[in-house]
C-alpha atoms as a PDB file:
ATOM      1  CA  MET A   1     -20.661   2.156 -30.071  1.00  0.00           C
ATOM      2  CA  MET A   2     -21.996  -1.241 -31.069  1.00  0.00           C
ATOM      3  CA  PRO A   3     -21.440  -4.114 -28.578  1.00  0.00           C
ATOM      4  CA  GLY A   4     -18.429  -6.265 -29.369  1.00  0.00           C
ATOM      5  CA  PRO A   5     -18.654  -9.944 -30.284  1.00  0.00           C
ATOM      6  CA  SER A   6     -18.827 -12.670 -27.710  1.00  0.00           C
ATOM      7  CA  ILE A   7     -15.580 -14.105 -26.366  1.00  0.00           C
ATOM      8  CA  LEU A   8     -15.137 -17.849 -26.026  1.00  0.00           C
ATOM      9  CA  PRO A   9     -15.537 -18.831 -22.343  1.00  0.00           C
ATOM     10  CA  ASN A  10     -11.999 -20.251 -22.134  1.00  0.00           C
ATOM     11  CA  GLN A  11     -10.533 -16.983 -23.420  1.00  0.00           C
ATOM     12  CA  ALA A  12     -12.006 -14.610 -20.849  1.00  0.00           C
ATOM     13  CA  PRO A  13     -12.315 -14.222 -17.080  1.00  0.00           C
ATOM     14  CA  PRO A  14     -15.804 -14.824 -15.639  1.00  0.00           C
ATOM     15  CA  ILE A  15     -16.446 -11.059 -15.508  1.00  0.00           C
ATOM     16  CA  LEU A  16     -14.875  -8.647 -17.979  1.00  0.00           C
ATOM     17  CA  VAL A  17     -15.706  -4.947 -18.354  1.00  0.00           C
ATOM     18  CA  GLN A  18     -14.126  -2.917 -21.147  1.00  0.00           C
ATOM     19  CA  ASN A  19     -14.298   0.902 -21.308  1.00  0.00           C
ATOM     20  CA  LEU A  20     -17.869   0.884 -20.021  1.00  0.00           C
ATOM     21  CA  THR A  21     -19.874   4.117 -20.173  1.00  0.00           C
ATOM     22  CA  LYS A  22     -23.551   4.754 -19.476  1.00  0.00           C
ATOM     23  CA  ARG A  23     -25.236   8.116 -19.970  1.00  0.00           C
ATOM     24  CA  PHE A  24     -28.820   9.092 -19.191  1.00  0.00           C
ATOM     25  CA  GLY A  25     -29.269  12.247 -21.235  1.00  0.00           C
ATOM     26  CA  LYS A  26     -26.614  14.685 -20.022  1.00  0.00           C
ATOM     27  CA  PHE A  27     -25.947  12.686 -16.846  1.00  0.00           C
ATOM     28  CA  THR A  28     -23.073  10.187 -16.925  1.00  0.00           C
ATOM     29  CA  ALA A  29     -23.714   7.356 -14.462  1.00  0.00           C
ATOM     30  CA  VAL A  30     -20.672   5.259 -15.424  1.00  0.00           C
ATOM     31  CA  GLU A  31     -17.652   6.699 -17.225  1.00  0.00           C
ATOM     32  CA  ASP A  32     -15.003   4.621 -19.054  1.00  0.00           C
ATOM     33  CA  VAL A  33     -14.754   1.822 -16.487  1.00  0.00           C
ATOM     34  CA  SER A  34     -12.633  -1.304 -17.091  1.00  0.00           C
ATOM     35  CA  PHE A  35     -11.948  -4.260 -14.790  1.00  0.00           C
ATOM     36  CA  SER A  36     -12.080  -8.061 -14.626  1.00  0.00           C
ATOM     37  CA  VAL A  37     -12.866 -10.640 -11.952  1.00  0.00           C
ATOM     38  CA  GLN A  38     -11.143 -14.025 -11.771  1.00  0.00           C
ATOM     39  CA  PRO A  39     -12.693 -17.482 -11.086  1.00  0.00           C
ATOM     40  CA  GLY A  40     -13.589 -18.030  -7.433  1.00  0.00           C
ATOM     41  CA  GLU A  41     -12.763 -14.450  -6.508  1.00  0.00           C
ATOM     42  CA  VAL A  42     -14.745 -12.307  -4.057  1.00  0.00           C
ATOM     43  CA  PHE A  43     -14.608  -8.890  -5.687  1.00  0.00           C
ATOM     44  CA  GLY A  44     -15.906  -5.785  -3.935  1.00  0.00           C
ATOM     45  CA  TRP A  45     -17.497  -3.051  -6.038  1.00  0.00           C
ATOM     46  CA  LEU A  46     -17.308  -0.237  -3.543  1.00  0.00           C
ATOM     47  CA  GLY A  47     -18.562   3.291  -3.171  1.00  0.00           C
ATOM     48  CA  PRO A  48     -21.303   5.543  -1.772  1.00  0.00           C
ATOM     49  CA  ASN A  49     -24.889   5.565  -2.997  1.00  0.00           C
ATOM     50  CA  GLY A  50     -25.102   7.054  -6.477  1.00  0.00           C
ATOM     51  CA  ALA A  51     -21.520   6.127  -7.393  1.00  0.00           C
ATOM     52  CA  GLY A  52     -22.585   3.935 -10.334  1.00  0.00           C
ATOM     53  CA  LYS A  53     -22.288   0.501  -8.713  1.00  0.00           C
ATOM     54  CA  THR A  54     -25.826  -0.739  -9.426  1.00  0.00           C
ATOM     55  CA  THR A  55     -25.784   0.703 -12.955  1.00  0.00           C
ATOM     56  CA  THR A  56     -22.641  -1.332 -13.659  1.00  0.00           C
ATOM     57  CA  ILE A  57     -24.289  -4.529 -12.427  1.00  0.00           C
ATOM     58  CA  ARG A  58     -27.413  -3.881 -14.485  1.00  0.00           C
ATOM     59  CA  MET A  59     -25.270  -3.581 -17.614  1.00  0.00           C
ATOM     60  CA  LEU A  60     -23.389  -6.764 -16.738  1.00  0.00           C
ATOM     61  CA  LEU A  61     -26.752  -8.516 -16.472  1.00  0.00           C
ATOM     62  CA  GLY A  62     -27.951  -7.065 -19.773  1.00  0.00           C
ATOM     63  CA  LEU A  63     -30.761  -5.153 -18.064  1.00  0.00           C
ATOM     64  CA  LEU A  64     -29.308  -1.866 -19.347  1.00  0.00           C
ATOM     65  CA  LYS A  65     -27.529  -1.279 -22.641  1.00  0.00           C
ATOM     66  CA  PRO A  66     -24.218   0.581 -22.384  1.00  0.00           C
ATOM     67  CA  THR A  67     -23.744   3.871 -24.161  1.00  0.00           C
ATOM     68  CA  SER A  68     -20.301   2.587 -25.128  1.00  0.00           C
ATOM     69  CA  GLY A  69     -17.947  -0.190 -24.107  1.00  0.00           C
ATOM     70  CA  ASN A  70     -18.598  -3.889 -23.515  1.00  0.00           C
ATOM     71  CA  THR A  71     -19.427  -6.265 -20.665  1.00  0.00           C
ATOM     72  CA  PHE A  72     -18.838 -10.021 -20.769  1.00  0.00           C
ATOM     73  CA  VAL A  73     -19.979 -12.663 -18.275  1.00  0.00           C
ATOM     74  CA  LEU A  74     -18.534 -16.164 -18.705  1.00  0.00           C
ATOM     75  CA  GLY A  75     -17.547 -15.108 -22.219  1.00  0.00           C
ATOM     76  CA  PHE A  76     -21.054 -14.030 -23.217  1.00  0.00           C
ATOM     77  CA  ASN A  77     -21.693 -10.464 -24.311  1.00  0.00           C
ATOM     78  CA  SER A  78     -24.238  -9.099 -21.815  1.00  0.00           C
ATOM     79  CA  ALA A  79     -25.846  -6.780 -24.352  1.00  0.00           C
ATOM     80  CA  THR A  80     -26.371  -9.336 -27.127  1.00  0.00           C
ATOM     81  CA  GLN A  81     -26.430 -12.701 -25.301  1.00  0.00           C
ATOM     82  CA  THR A  82     -28.546 -11.799 -22.306  1.00  0.00           C
ATOM     83  CA  LYS A  83     -30.388 -15.138 -22.104  1.00  0.00           C
ATOM     84  CA  GLU A  84     -27.105 -17.052 -22.016  1.00  0.00           C
ATOM     85  CA  VAL A  85     -25.844 -14.763 -19.249  1.00  0.00           C
ATOM     86  CA  HIS A  86     -28.996 -15.191 -17.158  1.00  0.00           C
ATOM     87  CA  ALA A  87     -28.791 -18.971 -17.422  1.00  0.00           C
ATOM     88  CA  HIS A  88     -25.436 -19.021 -15.648  1.00  0.00           C
ATOM     89  CA  VAL A  89     -25.607 -16.201 -13.085  1.00  0.00           C
ATOM     90  CA  GLY A  90     -27.340 -15.461  -9.814  1.00  0.00           C
ATOM     91  CA  TYR A  91     -28.481 -11.987  -8.811  1.00  0.00           C
ATOM     92  CA  MET A  92     -29.533 -10.666  -5.417  1.00  0.00           C
ATOM     93  CA  SER A  93     -30.775  -7.076  -5.594  1.00  0.00           C
ATOM     94  CA  GLN A  94     -30.731  -4.352  -2.941  1.00  0.00           C
ATOM     95  CA  GLN A  95     -34.230  -5.275  -1.822  1.00  0.00           C
ATOM     96  CA  PHE A  96     -35.023  -8.892  -1.083  1.00  0.00           C
ATOM     97  CA  THR A  97     -37.011 -10.141  -4.079  1.00  0.00           C
ATOM     98  CA  LEU A  98     -39.046 -12.618  -2.064  1.00  0.00           C
ATOM     99  CA  TYR A  99     -42.793 -13.235  -1.881  1.00  0.00           C
ATOM    100  CA  ASN A 100     -43.861 -12.608   1.700  1.00  0.00           C
ATOM    101  CA  ASP A 101     -47.121 -14.551   1.314  1.00  0.00           C
ATOM    102  CA  LEU A 102     -45.215 -17.709   0.315  1.00  0.00           C
ATOM    103  CA  THR A 103     -43.324 -19.965   2.703  1.00  0.00           C
ATOM    104  CA  ALA A 104     -39.547 -20.299   2.547  1.00  0.00           C
ATOM    105  CA  ARG A 105     -39.932 -23.646   0.741  1.00  0.00           C
ATOM    106  CA  GLN A 106     -42.424 -22.200  -1.742  1.00  0.00           C
ATOM    107  CA  ASN A 107     -40.102 -19.286  -2.557  1.00  0.00           C
ATOM    108  CA  ILE A 108     -37.251 -21.670  -3.319  1.00  0.00           C
ATOM    109  CA  ARG A 109     -39.537 -23.840  -5.459  1.00  0.00           C
ATOM    110  CA  PHE A 110     -40.815 -20.792  -7.352  1.00  0.00           C
ATOM    111  CA  TYR A 111     -37.335 -19.484  -8.182  1.00  0.00           C
ATOM    112  CA  GLY A 112     -36.155 -22.962  -9.059  1.00  0.00           C
ATOM    113  CA  GLY A 113     -39.013 -23.183 -11.550  1.00  0.00           C
ATOM    114  CA  VAL A 114     -38.117 -19.792 -12.991  1.00  0.00           C
ATOM    115  CA  HIS A 115     -34.607 -21.097 -13.641  1.00  0.00           C
ATOM    116  CA  GLY A 116     -35.941 -24.236 -15.289  1.00  0.00           C
ATOM    117  CA  LEU A 117     -35.153 -26.846 -12.628  1.00  0.00           C
ATOM    118  CA  SER A 118     -37.067 -30.096 -12.959  1.00  0.00           C
ATOM    119  CA  SER A 119     -39.151 -31.569 -10.140  1.00  0.00           C
ATOM    120  CA  ARG A 120     -36.396 -34.097  -9.456  1.00  0.00           C
ATOM    121  CA  GLU A 121     -33.766 -31.334  -9.292  1.00  0.00           C
ATOM    122  CA  LEU A 122     -35.956 -29.269  -6.988  1.00  0.00           C
ATOM    123  CA  GLN A 123     -36.524 -32.240  -4.700  1.00  0.00           C
ATOM    124  CA  GLN A 124     -32.770 -32.373  -4.149  1.00  0.00           C
ATOM    125  CA  ARG A 125     -32.077 -28.639  -4.217  1.00  0.00           C
ATOM    126  CA  ILE A 126     -34.725 -27.375  -1.766  1.00  0.00           C
ATOM    127  CA  PRO A 127     -33.292 -29.220   1.281  1.00  0.00           C
ATOM    128  CA  GLU A 128     -29.780 -28.059   0.294  1.00  0.00           C
ATOM    129  CA  ILE A 129     -30.857 -24.415   0.205  1.00  0.00           C
ATOM    130  CA  LEU A 130     -32.782 -24.695   3.485  1.00  0.00           C
ATOM    131  CA  ARG A 131     -29.718 -26.233   5.126  1.00  0.00           C
ATOM    132  CA  MET A 132     -27.389 -23.563   3.722  1.00  0.00           C
ATOM    133  CA  ALA A 133     -29.697 -20.754   4.885  1.00  0.00           C
ATOM    134  CA  GLY A 134     -30.157 -22.294   8.334  1.00  0.00           C
ATOM    135  CA  LEU A 135     -33.906 -22.504   7.720  1.00  0.00           C
ATOM    136  CA  GLU A 136     -34.452 -26.162   8.546  1.00  0.00           C
ATOM    137  CA  GLY A 137     -37.525 -26.251  10.762  1.00  0.00           C
ATOM    138  CA  ARG A 138     -38.704 -22.930   9.353  1.00  0.00           C
ATOM    139  CA  GLU A 139     -39.346 -24.085   5.796  1.00  0.00           C
ATOM    140  CA  ASN A 140     -43.127 -23.766   6.193  1.00  0.00           C
ATOM    141  CA  VAL A 141     -43.093 -20.342   7.855  1.00  0.00           C
ATOM    142  CA  LEU A 142     -44.443 -17.496   5.728  1.00  0.00           C
ATOM    143  CA  THR A 143     -41.505 -15.442   4.496  1.00  0.00           C
ATOM    144  CA  GLY A 144     -43.143 -12.230   5.748  1.00  0.00           C
ATOM    145  CA  GLY A 145     -42.748 -13.553   9.284  1.00  0.00           C
ATOM    146  CA  LEU A 146     -38.997 -14.148   9.013  1.00  0.00           C
ATOM    147  CA  SER A 147     -36.421 -11.736  10.435  1.00  0.00           C
ATOM    148  CA  GLY A 148     -34.172  -9.671   8.169  1.00  0.00           C
ATOM    149  CA  GLY A 149     -31.269 -12.086   8.594  1.00  0.00           C
ATOM    150  CA  TRP A 150     -33.360 -15.132   7.645  1.00  0.00           C
ATOM    151  CA  LYS A 151     -34.824 -13.322   4.643  1.00  0.00           C
ATOM    152  CA  GLN A 152     -31.353 -12.332   3.540  1.00  0.00           C
ATOM    153  CA  ARG A 153     -30.071 -15.904   3.525  1.00  0.00           C
ATOM    154  CA  LEU A 154     -33.273 -17.153   1.889  1.00  0.00           C
ATOM    155  CA  ALA A 155     -32.893 -14.527  -0.854  1.00  0.00           C
ATOM    156  CA  LEU A 156     -29.329 -15.709  -1.457  1.00  0.00           C
ATOM    157  CA  GLY A 157     -30.541 -19.309  -1.604  1.00  0.00           C
ATOM    158  CA  CYS A 158     -33.169 -18.387  -4.191  1.00  0.00           C
ATOM    159  CA  ALA A 159     -30.527 -16.516  -6.227  1.00  0.00           C
ATOM    160  CA  ILE A 160     -28.233 -19.553  -6.387  1.00  0.00           C
ATOM    161  CA  VAL A 161     -30.849 -22.321  -6.605  1.00  0.00           C
ATOM    162  CA  HIS A 162     -29.696 -23.165 -10.173  1.00  0.00           C
ATOM    163  CA  HIS A 163     -25.974 -23.504  -9.253  1.00  0.00           C
ATOM    164  CA  PRO A 164     -24.767 -20.333 -11.026  1.00  0.00           C
ATOM    165  CA  ARG A 165     -21.062 -19.924 -11.799  1.00  0.00           C
ATOM    166  CA  VAL A 166     -21.171 -16.152 -11.230  1.00  0.00           C
ATOM    167  CA  VAL A 167     -23.175 -14.341  -8.525  1.00  0.00           C
ATOM    168  CA  PHE A 168     -23.928 -10.613  -8.320  1.00  0.00           C
ATOM    169  CA  LEU A 169     -24.863  -9.311  -4.876  1.00  0.00           C
ATOM    170  CA  ASP A 170     -26.039  -5.685  -4.832  1.00  0.00           C
ATOM    171  CA  GLU A 171     -25.915  -4.176  -1.318  1.00  0.00           C
ATOM    172  CA  PRO A 172     -27.017  -7.550   0.093  1.00  0.00           C
ATOM    173  CA  THR A 173     -26.558  -6.683   3.780  1.00  0.00           C
ATOM    174  CA  ALA A 174     -28.133  -3.211   3.873  1.00  0.00           C
ATOM    175  CA  GLY A 175     -30.229  -2.842   7.016  1.00  0.00           C
ATOM    176  CA  VAL A 176     -29.234  -6.224   8.466  1.00  0.00           C
ATOM    177  CA  ASP A 177     -27.791  -6.627  11.972  1.00  0.00           C
ATOM    178  CA  PRO A 178     -24.019  -7.245  12.391  1.00  0.00           C
ATOM    179  CA  ILE A 179     -24.345 -10.919  13.382  1.00  0.00           C
ATOM    180  CA  SER A 180     -26.487 -11.689  10.327  1.00  0.00           C
ATOM    181  CA  ARG A 181     -24.009  -9.798   8.145  1.00  0.00           C
ATOM    182  CA  ARG A 182     -21.162 -11.957   9.429  1.00  0.00           C
ATOM    183  CA  GLN A 183     -23.144 -15.156   8.830  1.00  0.00           C
ATOM    184  CA  PHE A 184     -23.958 -13.965   5.320  1.00  0.00           C
ATOM    185  CA  TRP A 185     -20.283 -13.398   4.550  1.00  0.00           C
ATOM    186  CA  GLU A 186     -19.493 -16.910   5.724  1.00  0.00           C
ATOM    187  CA  LEU A 187     -21.892 -18.136   3.014  1.00  0.00           C
ATOM    188  CA  ILE A 188     -20.171 -15.907   0.443  1.00  0.00           C
ATOM    189  CA  TYR A 189     -16.780 -17.419   1.203  1.00  0.00           C
ATOM    190  CA  GLN A 190     -18.186 -20.932   1.138  1.00  0.00           C
ATOM    191  CA  MET A 191     -19.434 -20.298  -2.398  1.00  0.00           C
ATOM    192  CA  ALA A 192     -16.062 -18.869  -3.419  1.00  0.00           C
ATOM    193  CA  LYS A 193     -14.307 -22.002  -2.121  1.00  0.00           C
ATOM    194  CA  GLU A 194     -16.561 -23.994  -4.438  1.00  0.00           C
ATOM    195  CA  GLY A 195     -15.322 -21.942  -7.410  1.00  0.00           C
ATOM    196  CA  VAL A 196     -18.186 -19.462  -7.708  1.00  0.00           C
ATOM    197  CA  THR A 197     -17.130 -15.966  -8.816  1.00  0.00           C
ATOM    198  CA  ILE A 198     -18.766 -13.267  -6.711  1.00  0.00           C
ATOM    199  CA  LEU A 199     -19.133  -9.534  -7.296  1.00  0.00           C
ATOM    200  CA  VAL A 200     -20.595  -7.763  -4.275  1.00  0.00           C
ATOM    201  CA  THR A 201     -21.429  -4.071  -3.944  1.00  0.00           C
ATOM    202  CA  THR A 202     -21.296  -2.439  -0.552  1.00  0.00           C
ATOM    203  CA  HIS A 203     -20.726   0.911   1.124  1.00  0.00           C
ATOM    204  CA  TYR A 204     -19.726  -0.785   4.403  1.00  0.00           C
ATOM    205  CA  MET A 205     -15.929  -0.508   4.481  1.00  0.00           C
ATOM    206  CA  ASP A 206     -15.636  -3.227   7.134  1.00  0.00           C
ATOM    207  CA  GLU A 207     -17.254  -5.587   4.610  1.00  0.00           C
ATOM    208  CA  ALA A 208     -14.973  -4.326   1.867  1.00  0.00           C
ATOM    209  CA  GLU A 209     -12.027  -5.490   3.993  1.00  0.00           C
ATOM    210  CA  LEU A 210     -13.337  -9.053   3.509  1.00  0.00           C
ATOM    211  CA  CYS A 211     -13.036  -8.898  -0.285  1.00  0.00           C
ATOM    212  CA  GLN A 212      -9.954 -10.269  -2.010  1.00  0.00           C
ATOM    213  CA  ARG A 213      -9.881  -7.328  -4.438  1.00  0.00           C
ATOM    214  CA  GLY A 214     -11.904  -4.200  -4.785  1.00  0.00           C
ATOM    215  CA  GLY A 215     -12.704  -1.290  -7.033  1.00  0.00           C
ATOM    216  CA  PHE A 216     -13.595   2.138  -5.631  1.00  0.00           C
ATOM    217  CA  MET A 217     -16.320   3.963  -7.569  1.00  0.00           C
ATOM    218  CA  SER A 218     -16.906   7.696  -7.178  1.00  0.00           C
ATOM    219  CA  GLY A 219     -19.153   9.817  -9.361  1.00  0.00           C
ATOM    220  CA  GLY A 220     -19.336   7.079 -11.984  1.00  0.00           C
ATOM    221  CA  ARG A 221     -15.574   6.771 -12.325  1.00  0.00           C
ATOM    222  CA  LEU A 222     -13.178   4.064 -11.129  1.00  0.00           C
ATOM    223  CA  ALA A 223     -10.986   5.725  -8.504  1.00  0.00           C
ATOM    224  CA  ALA A 224      -8.840   2.715  -7.539  1.00  0.00           C
ATOM    225  CA  LEU A 225      -8.590  -1.016  -8.237  1.00  0.00           C
ATOM    226  CA  ASP A 226      -6.413  -3.574  -6.433  1.00  0.00           C
ATOM    227  CA  SER A 227      -6.228  -6.027  -3.558  1.00  0.00           C
ATOM    228  CA  VAL A 228      -7.178  -4.585  -0.180  1.00  0.00           C
ATOM    229  CA  SER A 229      -3.586  -4.814   1.088  1.00  0.00           C
ATOM    230  CA  GLN A 230      -2.156  -3.123  -2.015  1.00  0.00           C
ATOM    231  CA  LEU A 231      -4.762  -0.356  -1.893  1.00  0.00           C
ATOM    232  CA  LYS A 232      -3.607   0.467   1.617  1.00  0.00           C
ATOM    233  CA  LEU A 233       0.027   0.480   0.528  1.00  0.00           C
ATOM    234  CA  THR A 234      -0.302   2.460  -2.678  1.00  0.00           C
ATOM    235  CA  ARG A 235      -3.320   4.766  -2.468  1.00  0.00           C
ATOM    236  CA  MET A 236      -2.586   6.725   0.716  1.00  0.00           C
ATOM    237  CA  ARG A 237      -0.811  10.033   0.172  1.00  0.00           C
ATOM    238  CA  GLY A 238       0.148  10.326   3.823  1.00  0.00           C
ATOM    239  CA  GLN A 239       0.120   8.637   7.211  1.00  0.00           C
ATOM    240  CA  VAL A 240      -2.827   8.307   9.588  1.00  0.00           C
ATOM    241  CA  LEU A 241      -2.934   9.579  13.141  1.00  0.00           C
ATOM    242  CA  GLU A 242      -5.753   8.265  15.330  1.00  0.00           C
ATOM    243  CA  ILE A 243      -6.718  10.844  17.964  1.00  0.00           C
ATOM    244  CA  ASN A 244      -8.764   9.935  21.031  1.00  0.00           C
ATOM    245  CA  ILE A 245     -10.121  13.125  22.580  1.00  0.00           C
ATOM    246  CA  SER A 246     -12.609  14.363  25.158  1.00  0.00           C
ATOM    247  CA  ASP A 247     -14.619  16.533  22.770  1.00  0.00           C
ATOM    248  CA  PRO A 248     -14.552  15.209  19.149  1.00  0.00           C
ATOM    249  CA  GLU A 249     -16.811  17.934  17.750  1.00  0.00           C
ATOM    250  CA  LYS A 250     -14.714  20.769  19.166  1.00  0.00           C
ATOM    251  CA  ALA A 251     -11.521  19.020  18.075  1.00  0.00           C
ATOM    252  CA  MET A 252     -12.853  18.711  14.523  1.00  0.00           C
ATOM    253  CA  LEU A 253     -13.558  22.456  14.399  1.00  0.00           C
ATOM    254  CA  ILE A 254     -10.025  23.249  15.585  1.00  0.00           C
ATOM    255  CA  LEU A 255      -8.361  20.837  13.131  1.00  0.00           C
ATOM    256  CA  LYS A 256     -10.525  21.924  10.190  1.00  0.00           C
ATOM    257  CA  ALA A 257      -9.678  25.576  10.908  1.00  0.00           C
ATOM    258  CA  ALA A 258      -5.972  24.706  11.034  1.00  0.00           C
ATOM    259  CA  GLN A 259      -6.349  22.860   7.732  1.00  0.00           C
ATOM    260  CA  GLN A 260      -8.061  25.787   6.019  1.00  0.00           C
ATOM    261  CA  LYS A 261      -5.457  28.274   7.311  1.00  0.00           C
ATOM    262  CA  ASN A 262      -2.570  25.951   6.307  1.00  0.00           C
ATOM    263  CA  GLN A 263      -1.303  25.966   9.880  1.00  0.00           C
ATOM    264  CA  LEU A 264      -0.703  22.226   9.567  1.00  0.00           C
ATOM    265  CA  PRO A 265      -0.414  20.030   6.439  1.00  0.00           C
ATOM    266  CA  LEU A 266      -3.591  18.072   7.163  1.00  0.00           C
ATOM    267  CA  ASP A 267      -4.560  16.223   4.006  1.00  0.00           C
ATOM    268  CA  GLU A 268      -7.761  14.857   5.551  1.00  0.00           C
ATOM    269  CA  VAL A 269      -9.560  15.073   8.902  1.00  0.00           C
ATOM    270  CA  ALA A 270     -12.519  12.777   9.561  1.00  0.00           C
ATOM    271  CA  LEU A 271     -14.572  11.490  12.491  1.00  0.00           C
ATOM    272  CA  TYR A 272     -14.467   7.738  13.167  1.00  0.00           C
ATOM    273  CA  GLY A 273     -17.019   7.206  15.916  1.00  0.00           C
ATOM    274  CA  ALA A 274     -15.637   9.012  18.988  1.00  0.00           C
ATOM    275  CA  GLN A 275     -12.165   9.295  17.440  1.00  0.00           C
ATOM    276  CA  ILE A 276     -10.578  11.402  14.724  1.00  0.00           C
ATOM    277  CA  HIS A 277      -8.329  10.263  11.873  1.00  0.00           C
ATOM    278  CA  ALA A 278      -5.942  12.928  10.592  1.00  0.00           C
ATOM    279  CA  VAL A 279      -3.839  12.269   7.485  1.00  0.00           C
ATOM    280  CA  VAL A 280      -0.450  14.033   7.497  1.00  0.00           C
ATOM    281  CA  PRO A 281       2.738  13.685   5.411  1.00  0.00           C
ATOM    282  CA  ASP A 282       4.777  12.453   8.402  1.00  0.00           C
ATOM    283  CA  ALA A 283       3.040  11.086  11.497  1.00  0.00           C
ATOM    284  CA  GLN A 284       6.048  11.336  13.838  1.00  0.00           C
ATOM    285  CA  LYS A 285       6.831  14.881  12.752  1.00  0.00           C
ATOM    286  CA  TYR A 286       3.335  16.336  13.255  1.00  0.00           C
ATOM    287  CA  MET A 287       2.038  14.269  16.195  1.00  0.00           C
ATOM    288  CA  GLN A 288       3.195  16.715  18.868  1.00  0.00           C
ATOM    289  CA  ALA A 289       2.052  19.769  16.881  1.00  0.00           C
ATOM    290  CA  ILE A 290      -1.486  18.374  16.606  1.00  0.00           C
ATOM    291  CA  GLN A 291      -1.554  17.475  20.298  1.00  0.00           C
ATOM    292  CA  ARG A 292      -0.357  20.966  21.237  1.00  0.00           C
ATOM    293  CA  LEU A 293      -2.944  22.621  18.946  1.00  0.00           C
ATOM    294  CA  LEU A 294      -5.811  20.693  20.558  1.00  0.00           C
ATOM    295  CA  THR A 295      -4.520  21.212  24.112  1.00  0.00           C
ATOM    296  CA  ASP A 296      -4.229  24.962  23.489  1.00  0.00           C
ATOM    297  CA  GLY A 297      -7.865  24.846  22.322  1.00  0.00           C
ATOM    298  CA  ASN A 298      -8.901  23.307  25.685  1.00  0.00           C
ATOM    299  CA  VAL A 299      -9.482  19.824  24.241  1.00  0.00           C
ATOM    300  CA  GLN A 300      -8.112  16.976  26.340  1.00  0.00           C
ATOM    301  CA  VAL A 301      -6.126  14.513  24.211  1.00  0.00           C
ATOM    302  CA  ASN A 302      -6.364  11.044  25.736  1.00  0.00           C
ATOM    303  CA  SER A 303      -4.094   9.458  23.139  1.00  0.00           C
ATOM    304  CA  ILE A 304      -2.661  10.063  19.704  1.00  0.00           C
ATOM    305  CA  ALA A 305      -1.056   7.263  17.700  1.00  0.00           C
ATOM    306  CA  TRP A 306       0.206   6.490  14.213  1.00  0.00           C
ATOM    307  CA  ILE A 307      -1.896   3.628  12.822  1.00  0.00           C
ATOM    308  CA  ALA A 308      -2.200   1.627   9.617  1.00  0.00           C
ATOM    309  CA  PRO A 309      -4.836   3.170   7.328  1.00  0.00           C
ATOM    310  CA  THR A 310      -8.292   1.637   7.248  1.00  0.00           C
ATOM    311  CA  LEU A 311      -9.939   0.967   3.918  1.00  0.00           C
ATOM    312  CA  GLU A 312     -12.191   3.932   4.623  1.00  0.00           C
ATOM    313  CA  ASP A 313      -9.105   6.164   4.908  1.00  0.00           C
ATOM    314  CA  VAL A 314      -7.911   4.806   1.562  1.00  0.00           C
ATOM    315  CA  PHE A 315     -11.320   5.341  -0.028  1.00  0.00           C
ATOM    316  CA  ILE A 316     -11.497   8.978   1.075  1.00  0.00           C
ATOM    317  CA  CYS A 317      -7.969   9.541  -0.255  1.00  0.00           C
ATOM    318  CA  SER A 318      -8.787   7.862  -3.598  1.00  0.00           C
ATOM    319  CA  VAL A 319     -12.008   9.830  -4.049  1.00  0.00           C
ATOM    320  CA  LYS A 320     -10.185  13.106  -3.353  1.00  0.00           C
ATOM    321  CA  THR A 321      -7.545  12.177  -5.932  1.00  0.00           C
ATOM    322  CA  ILE A 322     -10.055  11.423  -8.676  1.00  0.00           C
ATOM    323  CA  GLY A 323     -11.925  14.635  -7.824  1.00  0.00           C
ATOM    324  CA  VAL A 324      -8.755  16.633  -8.421  1.00  0.00           C
ATOM    325  CA  GLU A 325      -8.073  14.830 -11.715  1.00  0.00           C
ATOM    326  CA  HIS A 326     -11.639  15.158 -13.027  1.00  0.00           C
END
């Protein structure tokens, strides 16, 4: 299918994806995906590794041509107006695209030059980026000597040095400590308040909770798309019991066996740290039966409670649904 024409910027949302498909030979990486992102929105593009998240971003940036369907960024067709797209977007890839043998200041200057900023613009922009990244006083330190958290914020600063209206962040916090992740998300929300539209990919469900809306990708297909609160309300097929037990591994074996034998209507059983989440049609009805099953199996149940589903619960449920439909 040939790419469609460009859409006038005032007629389209900042990000628009229409029936997007990408095949590599017989392998389909992205299959018939459609969604849009509104101005100033923090949109999570969620799913495990290999789900098709990065491939989608690369097509939005015009780095890959779609097999069929269209992608538009700020009204520009990504496939045919790639230069116009690149002039108005920022992109932070999974690996920090920084030069370790340059200082923080030199990296910002380099990327500013790549984006066509004048010397006068750079003179103003470099201190702004250093301040935003918390790198004042470290501007002359070689980037290779910075910690992962500092590099992360510097990479974001380099990606937005030209004041882009749309920013794509592809697994930006992978391998970064929790405090640095939180600080990074504070920067994301500051940009959103200033009207920047942000699409961020992540497989951390606690980060996904911070997005205003999200799309779940699984096996190249869009499994669910909505606000976080609505996903929790509409995508769960049952209710979640959180079970705190003395021996999680033994408890999992007992519950999985009961699931396979249809002794109990367990839609899903999964480990969450030292606890277990079990999805059942009616939490009140099956709470005592589950407790009795585990006690009879010599597993001490410290507590069992009906809880609101986490986004991870919703994701597992959505992925199972799309697997059945496929």
